[in-house]
Amino acid sequence: MRKGNVKDERIVLQRRKVASDAFGILFYILLASVIVQQFIFHAPFSHYAVEAILLLAASIYVVTGNILVGNDFFPDDRGWKMVVMNSVFCGVVLAASVTALNTMNHGLEKMGGIPCIALIATITFACSALASFAVFGLLYLLNRKRQKQIDDRCNDADDREGTSGSGQR
């Protein structure tokens, strides 16, 4: 075996960490680019469509990949509680940011004053929290199903080892 082909697992781990950090940086830069172009520059969707599509594709890839390899997103002791907390957090953040940006862009008077802005913020919160709950709930159910498949596979392997006749584990 040649010495140049052997890779130390520490080096592989560090390379993966650097690649993961680079992905994280690019992901947040794409998110910032979409937000700036949409809300600050008021660009039409066609100007930032590629960034939005890449952002969505990267999000779907990361979540799907983690579920498929068996990484547990929602620990058993806090599963549905985390779904609800994440949904409320997304609702608050979206309602606050969209309401603030719309008020800055259109003005207080054009938005109908404080009571209308409060009503719009409440409706935005309710819709975004419900949509987030649906997405997080689906992810939770898929994650639980995958975790159960992994547990069943491990338990079946343990049962086969226990009945193999050796009597040792």
Foldseek 3Di string as FASTA:
>chain_A
DDPVVDDDVVVVVVVVVVVVVVVVVLLVVLVVVVCCCVQPVVHPCVVSVVSVVVNVVVVVCVLVVCLQVQPQPADPVCQVVVLLVVLQVQLLVQLVVVLVSVCVVQHQVSCPHDVSSVVSSVVSSVVSSVVSSVVSVVSSVSSVVSNVVVVVVVVVVVVCVCPVPPNDD
